[in-house]
Amino acid sequence: GLADNIRQELDQAFERAAAEGRLKEAERRLQSLLGEYGQADSPIKCLQAARRFLAFQDEVANLAVTDGLTDRRKSLRETAATKAAEAQAKAMETTRI
């Protein structure tokens, strides 16, 4: 009855809040990775940054979010993929031959 409906709505609200928290934490981690990448001044550091972006992309892909947050999760994954490719290209450009 009514109590079950209220309990179900509360459970959904808690899940949305938990999913929002997981996404906010991922966004903070991405900002940290972007900062590290901004400091990358050698091919090795660029490649390390690329690896971290790819690992982050995989982690975010497995992040449990509610339906309303899937676009934000997708955006995080796409940013990580773009930055990984960028870091790999930067590593090639900065490698001396």
PDB file of N, CA and C in Angstrom:
ATOM      1  N   GLY A   1       0.808  -1.184   0.000  1.00  0.00           N
ATOM      2  CA  GLY A   1       0.000   0.000   0.000  1.00  0.00           C
ATOM      3  C   GLY A   1       0.851   1.248   0.000  1.00  0.00           C
ATOM      4  N   LEU A   2       0.380   2.215   0.728  1.00  0.00           N
ATOM      5  CA  LEU A   2       1.022   3.526   0.776  1.00  0.00           C
ATOM      6  C   LEU A   2       2.438   3.438   1.343  1.00  0.00           C
ATOM      7  N   ALA A   3       2.604   2.658   2.401  1.00  0.00           N
ATOM      8  CA  ALA A   3       3.928   2.519   3.021  1.00  0.00           C
ATOM      9  C   ALA A   3       4.925   1.921   2.035  1.00  0.00           C
ATOM     10  N   ASP A   4       4.485   0.944   1.246  1.00  0.00           N
ATOM     11  CA  ASP A   4       5.369   0.335   0.250  1.00  0.00           C
ATOM     12  C   ASP A   4       5.761   1.345  -0.825  1.00  0.00           C
ATOM     13  N   ASN A   5       4.797   2.165  -1.240  1.00  0.00           N
ATOM     14  CA  ASN A   5       5.088   3.188  -2.248  1.00  0.00           C
ATOM     15  C   ASN A   5       6.100   4.201  -1.714  1.00  0.00           C
ATOM     16  N   ILE A   6       5.904   4.616  -0.475  1.00  0.00           N
ATOM     17  CA  ILE A   6       6.828   5.581   0.130  1.00  0.00           C
ATOM     18  C   ILE A   6       8.214   4.968   0.254  1.00  0.00           C
ATOM     19  N   ARG A   7       8.267   3.714   0.710  1.00  0.00           N
ATOM     20  CA  ARG A   7       9.556   3.029   0.842  1.00  0.00           C
ATOM     21  C   ARG A   7      10.246   2.920  -0.520  1.00  0.00           C
ATOM     22  N   GLN A   8       9.470   2.591  -1.544  1.00  0.00           N
ATOM     23  CA  GLN A   8      10.041   2.456  -2.885  1.00  0.00           C
ATOM     24  C   GLN A   8      10.574   3.810  -3.379  1.00  0.00           C
ATOM     25  N   GLU A   9       9.818   4.866  -3.146  1.00  0.00           N
ATOM     26  CA  GLU A   9      10.273   6.200  -3.559  1.00  0.00           C
ATOM     27  C   GLU A   9      11.526   6.615  -2.796  1.00  0.00           C
ATOM     28  N   LEU A  10      11.583   6.290  -1.515  1.00  0.00           N
ATOM     29  CA  LEU A  10      12.778   6.594  -0.719  1.00  0.00           C
ATOM     30  C   LEU A  10      13.987   5.812  -1.232  1.00  0.00           C
ATOM     31  N   ASP A  11      13.779   4.532  -1.516  1.00  0.00           N
ATOM     32  CA  ASP A  11      14.872   3.708  -2.054  1.00  0.00           C
ATOM     33  C   ASP A  11      15.396   4.298  -3.364  1.00  0.00           C
ATOM     34  N   GLN A  12      14.479   4.728  -4.228  1.00  0.00           N
ATOM     35  CA  GLN A  12      14.883   5.320  -5.508  1.00  0.00           C
ATOM     36  C   GLN A  12      15.636   6.628  -5.288  1.00  0.00           C
ATOM     37  N   ALA A  13      15.181   7.434  -4.335  1.00  0.00           N
ATOM     38  CA  ALA A  13      15.855   8.700  -4.044  1.00  0.00           C
ATOM     39  C   ALA A  13      17.265   8.439  -3.514  1.00  0.00           C
ATOM     40  N   PHE A  14      17.408   7.439  -2.632  1.00  0.00           N
ATOM     41  CA  PHE A  14      18.730   7.093  -2.113  1.00  0.00           C
ATOM     42  C   PHE A  14      19.641   6.611  -3.237  1.00  0.00           C
ATOM     43  N   GLU A  15      19.106   5.809  -4.146  1.00  0.00           N
ATOM     44  CA  GLU A  15      19.910   5.304  -5.261  1.00  0.00           C
ATOM     45  C   GLU A  15      20.344   6.453  -6.174  1.00  0.00           C
ATOM     46  N   ARG A  16      19.424   7.387  -6.439  1.00  0.00           N
ATOM     47  CA  ARG A  16      19.789   8.547  -7.267  1.00  0.00           C
ATOM     48  C   ARG A  16      20.898   9.355  -6.593  1.00  0.00           C
ATOM     49  N   ALA A  17      20.763   9.555  -5.282  1.00  0.00           N
ATOM     50  CA  ALA A  17      21.779  10.313  -4.541  1.00  0.00           C
ATOM     51  C   ALA A  17      23.127   9.583  -4.560  1.00  0.00           C
ATOM     52  N   ALA A  18      23.101   8.282  -4.393  1.00  0.00           N
ATOM     53  CA  ALA A  18      24.339   7.493  -4.421  1.00  0.00           C
ATOM     54  C   ALA A  18      24.983   7.561  -5.806  1.00  0.00           C
ATOM     55  N   ALA A  19      24.166   7.439  -6.848  1.00  0.00           N
ATOM     56  CA  ALA A  19      24.676   7.504  -8.219  1.00  0.00           C
ATOM     57  C   ALA A  19      25.269   8.886  -8.501  1.00  0.00           C
ATOM     58  N   GLU A  20      24.595   9.922  -8.023  1.00  0.00           N
ATOM     59  CA  GLU A  20      25.099  11.292  -8.189  1.00  0.00           C
ATOM     60  C   GLU A  20      26.450  11.430  -7.492  1.00  0.00           C
ATOM     61  N   GLY A  21      26.574  10.860  -6.299  1.00  0.00           N
ATOM     62  CA  GLY A  21      27.839  10.908  -5.567  1.00  0.00           C
ATOM     63  C   GLY A  21      28.951  10.199  -6.311  1.00  0.00           C
ATOM     64  N   ARG A  22      28.650   9.029  -6.870  1.00  0.00           N
ATOM     65  CA  ARG A  22      29.665   8.285  -7.639  1.00  0.00           C
ATOM     66  C   ARG A  22      30.110   9.094  -8.851  1.00  0.00           C
ATOM     67  N   LEU A  23      29.152   9.738  -9.514  1.00  0.00           N
ATOM     68  CA  LEU A  23      29.473  10.530 -10.701  1.00  0.00           C
ATOM     69  C   LEU A  23      30.304  11.756 -10.329  1.00  0.00           C
ATOM     70  N   LYS A  24      29.953  12.424  -9.233  1.00  0.00           N
ATOM     71  CA  LYS A  24      30.718  13.594  -8.792  1.00  0.00           C
ATOM     72  C   LYS A  24      32.158  13.199  -8.455  1.00  0.00           C
ATOM     73  N   GLU A  25      32.326  12.056  -7.815  1.00  0.00           N
ATOM     74  CA  GLU A  25      33.675  11.572  -7.498  1.00  0.00           C
ATOM     75  C   GLU A  25      34.456  11.297  -8.788  1.00  0.00           C
ATOM     76  N   ALA A  26      33.807  10.697  -9.773  1.00  0.00           N
ATOM     77  CA  ALA A  26      34.461  10.432 -11.060  1.00  0.00           C
ATOM     78  C   ALA A  26      34.840  11.747 -11.739  1.00  0.00           C
ATOM     79  N   GLU A  27      33.974  12.742 -11.651  1.00  0.00           N
ATOM     80  CA  GLU A  27      34.275  14.042 -12.254  1.00  0.00           C
ATOM     81  C   GLU A  27      35.492  14.687 -11.576  1.00  0.00           C
ATOM     82  N   ARG A  28      35.579  14.551 -10.264  1.00  0.00           N
ATOM     83  CA  ARG A  28      36.748  15.078  -9.543  1.00  0.00           C
ATOM     84  C   ARG A  28      38.018  14.346  -9.985  1.00  0.00           C
ATOM     85  N   ARG A  29      37.923  13.022 -10.139  1.00  0.00           N
ATOM     86  CA  ARG A  29      39.087  12.250 -10.571  1.00  0.00           C
ATOM     87  C   ARG A  29      39.523  12.640 -11.978  1.00  0.00           C
ATOM     88  N   LEU A  30      38.537  12.901 -12.853  1.00  0.00           N
ATOM     89  CA  LEU A  30      38.879  13.325 -14.212  1.00  0.00           C
ATOM     90  C   LEU A  30      39.590  14.677 -14.172  1.00  0.00           C
ATOM     91  N   GLN A  31      39.118  15.596 -13.344  1.00  0.00           N
ATOM     92  CA  GLN A  31      39.786  16.896 -13.217  1.00  0.00           C
ATOM     93  C   GLN A  31      41.236  16.712 -12.757  1.00  0.00           C
ATOM     94  N   SER A  32      41.444  15.801 -11.831  1.00  0.00           N
ATOM     95  CA  SER A  32      42.793  15.512 -11.345  1.00  0.00           C
ATOM     96  C   SER A  32      43.663  14.949 -12.475  1.00  0.00           C
ATOM     97  N   LEU A  33      43.105  14.027 -13.244  1.00  0.00           N
ATOM     98  CA  LEU A  33      43.849  13.458 -14.377  1.00  0.00           C
ATOM     99  C   LEU A  33      44.183  14.528 -15.407  1.00  0.00           C
ATOM    100  N   LEU A  34      43.240  15.425 -15.650  1.00  0.00           N
ATOM    101  CA  LEU A  34      43.473  16.504 -16.613  1.00  0.00           C
ATOM    102  C   LEU A  34      44.601  17.414 -16.118  1.00  0.00           C
ATOM    103  N   GLY A  35      44.630  17.661 -14.818  1.00  0.00           N
ATOM    104  CA  GLY A  35      45.696  18.472 -14.247  1.00  0.00           C
ATOM    105  C   GLY A  35      47.056  17.808 -14.394  1.00  0.00           C
ATOM    106  N   GLU A  36      47.104  16.513 -14.119  1.00  0.00           N
ATOM    107  CA  GLU A  36      48.356  15.764 -14.277  1.00  0.00           C
ATOM    108  C   GLU A  36      48.812  15.793 -15.732  1.00  0.00           C
ATOM    109  N   TYR A  37      47.861  15.605 -16.644  1.00  0.00           N
ATOM    110  CA  TYR A  37      48.194  15.602 -18.069  1.00  0.00           C
ATOM    111  C   TYR A  37      48.714  16.971 -18.491  1.00  0.00           C
ATOM    112  N   GLY A  38      48.157  18.019 -17.926  1.00  0.00           N
ATOM    113  CA  GLY A  38      48.616  19.367 -18.241  1.00  0.00           C
ATOM    114  C   GLY A  38      50.072  19.581 -17.869  1.00  0.00           C
ATOM    115  N   GLN A  39      50.567  18.823 -16.905  1.00  0.00           N
ATOM    116  CA  GLN A  39      51.961  18.917 -16.457  1.00  0.00           C
ATOM    117  C   GLN A  39      52.882  17.968 -17.228  1.00  0.00           C
ATOM    118  N   ALA A  40      52.303  17.076 -18.027  1.00  0.00           N
ATOM    119  CA  ALA A  40      53.102  16.061 -18.728  1.00  0.00           C
ATOM    120  C   ALA A  40      53.994  16.736 -19.766  1.00  0.00           C
ATOM    121  N   ASP A  41      55.297  16.630 -19.557  1.00  0.00           N
ATOM    122  CA  ASP A  41      56.243  17.323 -20.430  1.00  0.00           C
ATOM    123  C   ASP A  41      57.240  16.378 -21.108  1.00  0.00           C
ATOM    124  N   SER A  42      56.977  15.087 -21.006  1.00  0.00           N
ATOM    125  CA  SER A  42      57.858  14.118 -21.665  1.00  0.00           C
ATOM    126  C   SER A  42      56.985  13.033 -22.297  1.00  0.00           C
ATOM    127  N   PRO A  43      57.561  12.323 -23.280  1.00  0.00           N
ATOM    128  CA  PRO A  43      56.783  11.242 -23.913  1.00  0.00           C
ATOM    129  C   PRO A  43      56.289  10.208 -22.896  1.00  0.00           C
ATOM    130  N   ILE A  44      57.148   9.849 -21.935  1.00  0.00           N
ATOM    131  CA  ILE A  44      56.759   8.850 -20.932  1.00  0.00           C
ATOM    132  C   ILE A  44      55.571   9.347 -20.124  1.00  0.00           C
ATOM    133  N   LYS A  45      55.643  10.595 -19.671  1.00  0.00           N
ATOM    134  CA  LYS A  45      54.552  11.138 -18.864  1.00  0.00           C
ATOM    135  C   LYS A  45      53.265  11.247 -19.674  1.00  0.00           C
ATOM    136  N   CYS A  46      53.389  11.560 -20.942  1.00  0.00           N
ATOM    137  CA  CYS A  46      52.207  11.611 -21.817  1.00  0.00           C
ATOM    138  C   CYS A  46      51.586  10.220 -21.959  1.00  0.00           C
ATOM    139  N   LEU A  47      52.431   9.217 -22.136  1.00  0.00           N
ATOM    140  CA  LEU A  47      51.920   7.847 -22.267  1.00  0.00           C
ATOM    141  C   LEU A  47      51.304   7.360 -20.951  1.00  0.00           C
ATOM    142  N   GLN A  48      51.907   7.746 -19.828  1.00  0.00           N
ATOM    143  CA  GLN A  48      51.324   7.387 -18.536  1.00  0.00           C
ATOM    144  C   GLN A  48      49.949   8.034 -18.389  1.00  0.00           C
ATOM    145  N   ALA A  49      49.851   9.287 -18.801  1.00  0.00           N
ATOM    146  CA  ALA A  49      48.562   9.987 -18.740  1.00  0.00           C
ATOM    147  C   ALA A  49      47.538   9.285 -19.630  1.00  0.00           C
ATOM    148  N   ALA A  50      47.972   8.882 -20.825  1.00  0.00           N
ATOM    149  CA  ALA A  50      47.067   8.177 -21.741  1.00  0.00           C
ATOM    150  C   ALA A  50      46.549   6.893 -21.103  1.00  0.00           C
ATOM    151  N   ARG A  51      47.443   6.138 -20.469  1.00  0.00           N
ATOM    152  CA  ARG A  51      47.037   4.898 -19.800  1.00  0.00           C
ATOM    153  C   ARG A  51      46.029   5.179 -18.690  1.00  0.00           C
ATOM    154  N   ARG A  52      46.276   6.242 -17.921  1.00  0.00           N
ATOM    155  CA  ARG A  52      45.355   6.600 -16.831  1.00  0.00           C
ATOM    156  C   ARG A  52      43.994   7.000 -17.378  1.00  0.00           C
ATOM    157  N   PHE A  53      43.980   7.745 -18.483  1.00  0.00           N
ATOM    158  CA  PHE A  53      42.701   8.124 -19.098  1.00  0.00           C
ATOM    159  C   PHE A  53      41.938   6.886 -19.563  1.00  0.00           C
ATOM    160  N   LEU A  54      42.655   5.933 -20.164  1.00  0.00           N
ATOM    161  CA  LEU A  54      41.996   4.714 -20.640  1.00  0.00           C
ATOM    162  C   LEU A  54      41.463   3.879 -19.480  1.00  0.00           C
ATOM    163  N   ALA A  55      42.238   3.780 -18.400  1.00  0.00           N
ATOM    164  CA  ALA A  55      41.779   3.044 -17.219  1.00  0.00           C
ATOM    165  C   ALA A  55      40.559   3.731 -16.617  1.00  0.00           C
ATOM    166  N   PHE A  56      40.604   5.058 -16.566  1.00  0.00           N
ATOM    167  CA  PHE A  56      39.477   5.831 -16.046  1.00  0.00           C
ATOM    168  C   PHE A  56      38.230   5.590 -16.910  1.00  0.00           C
ATOM    169  N   GLN A  57      38.429   5.581 -18.219  1.00  0.00           N
ATOM    170  CA  GLN A  57      37.314   5.347 -19.142  1.00  0.00           C
ATOM    171  C   GLN A  57      36.654   3.997 -18.849  1.00  0.00           C
ATOM    172  N   ASP A  58      37.457   2.969 -18.611  1.00  0.00           N
ATOM    173  CA  ASP A  58      36.921   1.642 -18.296  1.00  0.00           C
ATOM    174  C   ASP A  58      36.169   1.659 -16.965  1.00  0.00           C
ATOM    175  N   GLU A  59      36.747   2.324 -15.968  1.00  0.00           N
ATOM    176  CA  GLU A  59      36.085   2.405 -14.659  1.00  0.00           C
ATOM    177  C   GLU A  59      34.729   3.090 -14.772  1.00  0.00           C
ATOM    178  N   VAL A  60      34.699   4.197 -15.496  1.00  0.00           N
ATOM    179  CA  VAL A  60      33.462   4.964 -15.631  1.00  0.00           C
ATOM    180  C   VAL A  60      32.411   4.157 -16.399  1.00  0.00           C
ATOM    181  N   ALA A  61      32.862   3.357 -17.355  1.00  0.00           N
ATOM    182  CA  ALA A  61      31.915   2.534 -18.120  1.00  0.00           C
ATOM    183  C   ALA A  61      31.158   1.576 -17.202  1.00  0.00           C
ATOM    184  N   ASN A  62      31.803   1.157 -16.121  1.00  0.00           N
ATOM    185  CA  ASN A  62      31.189   0.210 -15.187  1.00  0.00           C
ATOM    186  C   ASN A  62      30.504   0.885 -14.005  1.00  0.00           C
ATOM    187  N   LEU A  63      30.473   2.209 -14.023  1.00  0.00           N
ATOM    188  CA  LEU A  63      29.865   2.963 -12.934  1.00  0.00           C
ATOM    189  C   LEU A  63      28.344   2.826 -12.993  1.00  0.00           C
ATOM    190  N   ALA A  64      27.758   2.391 -11.891  1.00  0.00           N
ATOM    191  CA  ALA A  64      26.304   2.244 -11.836  1.00  0.00           C
ATOM    192  C   ALA A  64      25.667   3.609 -11.629  1.00  0.00           C
ATOM    193  N   VAL A  65      24.885   4.042 -12.619  1.00  0.00           N
ATOM    194  CA  VAL A  65      24.172   5.313 -12.501  1.00  0.00           C
ATOM    195  C   VAL A  65      22.709   5.106 -12.872  1.00  0.00           C
ATOM    196  N   THR A  66      21.891   6.039 -12.432  1.00  0.00           N
ATOM    197  CA  THR A  66      20.474   5.979 -12.778  1.00  0.00           C
ATOM    198  C   THR A  66      20.281   6.516 -14.200  1.00  0.00           C
ATOM    199  N   ASP A  67      19.128   6.258 -14.770  1.00  0.00           N
ATOM    200  CA  ASP A  67      18.858   6.637 -16.159  1.00  0.00           C
ATOM    201  C   ASP A  67      19.142   8.108 -16.446  1.00  0.00           C
ATOM    202  N   GLY A  68      18.795   8.978 -15.505  1.00  0.00           N
ATOM    203  CA  GLY A  68      18.976  10.408 -15.722  1.00  0.00           C
ATOM    204  C   GLY A  68      20.429  10.856 -15.762  1.00  0.00           C
ATOM    205  N   LEU A  69      21.356   9.978 -15.376  1.00  0.00           N
ATOM    206  CA  LEU A  69      22.772  10.351 -15.304  1.00  0.00           C
ATOM    207  C   LEU A  69      23.623   9.699 -16.389  1.00  0.00           C
ATOM    208  N   THR A  70      22.999   8.932 -17.268  1.00  0.00           N
ATOM    209  CA  THR A  70      23.788   8.212 -18.275  1.00  0.00           C
ATOM    210  C   THR A  70      24.496   9.158 -19.238  1.00  0.00           C
ATOM    211  N   ASP A  71      23.896  10.312 -19.545  1.00  0.00           N
ATOM    212  CA  ASP A  71      24.547  11.253 -20.453  1.00  0.00           C
ATOM    213  C   ASP A  71      25.817  11.825 -19.838  1.00  0.00           C
ATOM    214  N   ARG A  72      25.776  12.108 -18.532  1.00  0.00           N
ATOM    215  CA  ARG A  72      26.976  12.621 -17.859  1.00  0.00           C
ATOM    216  C   ARG A  72      28.066  11.555 -17.833  1.00  0.00           C
ATOM    217  N   ARG A  73      27.686  10.312 -17.584  1.00  0.00           N
ATOM    218  CA  ARG A  73      28.670   9.228 -17.590  1.00  0.00           C
ATOM    219  C   ARG A  73      29.284   9.097 -18.987  1.00  0.00           C
ATOM    220  N   LYS A  74      28.448   9.170 -20.011  1.00  0.00           N
ATOM    221  CA  LYS A  74      28.930   9.068 -21.395  1.00  0.00           C
ATOM    222  C   LYS A  74      29.898  10.203 -21.707  1.00  0.00           C
ATOM    223  N   SER A  75      29.589  11.393 -21.242  1.00  0.00           N
ATOM    224  CA  SER A  75      30.453  12.549 -21.470  1.00  0.00           C
ATOM    225  C   SER A  75      31.826  12.347 -20.821  1.00  0.00           C
ATOM    226  N   LEU A  76      31.849  11.793 -19.609  1.00  0.00           N
ATOM    227  CA  LEU A  76      33.119  11.511 -18.932  1.00  0.00           C
ATOM    228  C   LEU A  76      33.941  10.513 -19.741  1.00  0.00           C
ATOM    229  N   ARG A  77      33.281   9.471 -20.221  1.00  0.00           N
ATOM    230  CA  ARG A  77      33.977   8.448 -21.012  1.00  0.00           C
ATOM    231  C   ARG A  77      34.546   9.042 -22.296  1.00  0.00           C
ATOM    232  N   GLU A  78      33.750   9.868 -22.967  1.00  0.00           N
ATOM    233  CA  GLU A  78      34.196  10.466 -24.226  1.00  0.00           C
ATOM    234  C   GLU A  78      35.369  11.417 -24.001  1.00  0.00           C
ATOM    235  N   THR A  79      35.306  12.197 -22.928  1.00  0.00           N
ATOM    236  CA  THR A  79      36.413  13.098 -22.609  1.00  0.00           C
ATOM    237  C   THR A  79      37.685  12.299 -22.349  1.00  0.00           C
ATOM    238  N   ALA A  80      37.567  11.232 -21.579  1.00  0.00           N
ATOM    239  CA  ALA A  80      38.731  10.399 -21.279  1.00  0.00           C
ATOM    240  C   ALA A  80      39.316   9.795 -22.551  1.00  0.00           C
ATOM    241  N   ALA A  81      38.467   9.322 -23.434  1.00  0.00           N
ATOM    242  CA  ALA A  81      38.936   8.716 -24.690  1.00  0.00           C
ATOM    243  C   ALA A  81      39.649   9.761 -25.550  1.00  0.00           C
ATOM    244  N   THR A  82      39.075  10.943 -25.643  1.00  0.00           N
ATOM    245  CA  THR A  82      39.674  12.025 -26.430  1.00  0.00           C
ATOM    246  C   THR A  82      41.036  12.410 -25.868  1.00  0.00           C
ATOM    247  N   LYS A  83      41.096  12.556 -24.553  1.00  0.00           N
ATOM    248  CA  LYS A  83      42.355  12.957 -23.919  1.00  0.00           C
ATOM    249  C   LYS A  83      43.408  11.855 -24.023  1.00  0.00           C
ATOM    250  N   ALA A  84      42.998  10.595 -23.980  1.00  0.00           N
ATOM    251  CA  ALA A  84      43.951   9.493 -24.140  1.00  0.00           C
ATOM    252  C   ALA A  84      44.596   9.560 -25.523  1.00  0.00           C
ATOM    253  N   ALA A  85      43.780   9.766 -26.543  1.00  0.00           N
ATOM    254  CA  ALA A  85      44.300   9.857 -27.914  1.00  0.00           C
ATOM    255  C   ALA A  85      45.208  11.081 -28.060  1.00  0.00           C
ATOM    256  N   GLU A  86      44.793  12.180 -27.447  1.00  0.00           N
ATOM    257  CA  GLU A  86      45.584  13.413 -27.485  1.00  0.00           C
ATOM    258  C   GLU A  86      46.945  13.209 -26.809  1.00  0.00           C
ATOM    259  N   ALA A  87      46.931  12.534 -25.672  1.00  0.00           N
ATOM    260  CA  ALA A  87      48.176  12.294 -24.934  1.00  0.00           C
ATOM    261  C   ALA A  87      49.117  11.383 -25.736  1.00  0.00           C
ATOM    262  N   GLN A  88      48.539  10.384 -26.400  1.00  0.00           N
ATOM    263  CA  GLN A  88      49.369   9.504 -27.230  1.00  0.00           C
ATOM    264  C   GLN A  88      49.991  10.275 -28.386  1.00  0.00           C
ATOM    265  N   ALA A  89      49.210  11.145 -29.008  1.00  0.00           N
ATOM    266  CA  ALA A  89      49.734  11.959 -30.114  1.00  0.00           C
ATOM    267  C   ALA A  89      50.823  12.900 -29.610  1.00  0.00           C
ATOM    268  N   LYS A  90      50.602  13.489 -28.433  1.00  0.00           N
ATOM    269  CA  LYS A  90      51.599  14.385 -27.853  1.00  0.00           C
ATOM    270  C   LYS A  90      52.893  13.637 -27.544  1.00  0.00           C
ATOM    271  N   ALA A  91      52.767  12.391 -27.104  1.00  0.00           N
ATOM    272  CA  ALA A  91      53.961  11.573 -26.826  1.00  0.00           C
ATOM    273  C   ALA A  91      54.758  11.367 -28.112  1.00  0.00           C
ATOM    274  N   MET A  92      54.058  11.103 -29.201  1.00  0.00           N
ATOM    275  CA  MET A  92      54.750  10.913 -30.483  1.00  0.00           C
ATOM    276  C   MET A  92      55.445  12.196 -30.931  1.00  0.00           C
ATOM    277  N   GLU A  93      54.742  13.315 -30.778  1.00  0.00           N
ATOM    278  CA  GLU A  93      55.296  14.595 -31.219  1.00  0.00           C
ATOM    279  C   GLU A  93      56.528  14.994 -30.414  1.00  0.00           C
ATOM    280  N   THR A  94      56.538  14.645 -29.129  1.00  0.00           N
ATOM    281  CA  THR A  94      57.642  15.079 -28.258  1.00  0.00           C
ATOM    282  C   THR A  94      58.778  14.064 -28.200  1.00  0.00           C
ATOM    283  N   THR A  95      58.633  12.948 -28.917  1.00  0.00           N
ATOM    284  CA  THR A  95      59.707  11.956 -28.931  1.00  0.00           C
ATOM    285  C   THR A  95      60.777  12.375 -29.926  1.00  0.00           C
ATOM    286  N   ARG A  96      61.996  12.426 -29.436  1.00  0.00           N
ATOM    287  CA  ARG A  96      63.118  12.795 -30.319  1.00  0.00           C
ATOM    288  C   ARG A  96      63.549  11.565 -31.117  1.00  0.00           C
ATOM    289  N   ILE A  97      63.923  11.826 -32.369  1.00  0.00           N
ATOM    290  CA  ILE A  97      64.433  10.722 -33.188  1.00  0.00           C
ATOM    291  C   ILE A  97      65.852  11.009 -33.625  1.00  0.00           C
TER     292      ILE A  97
END
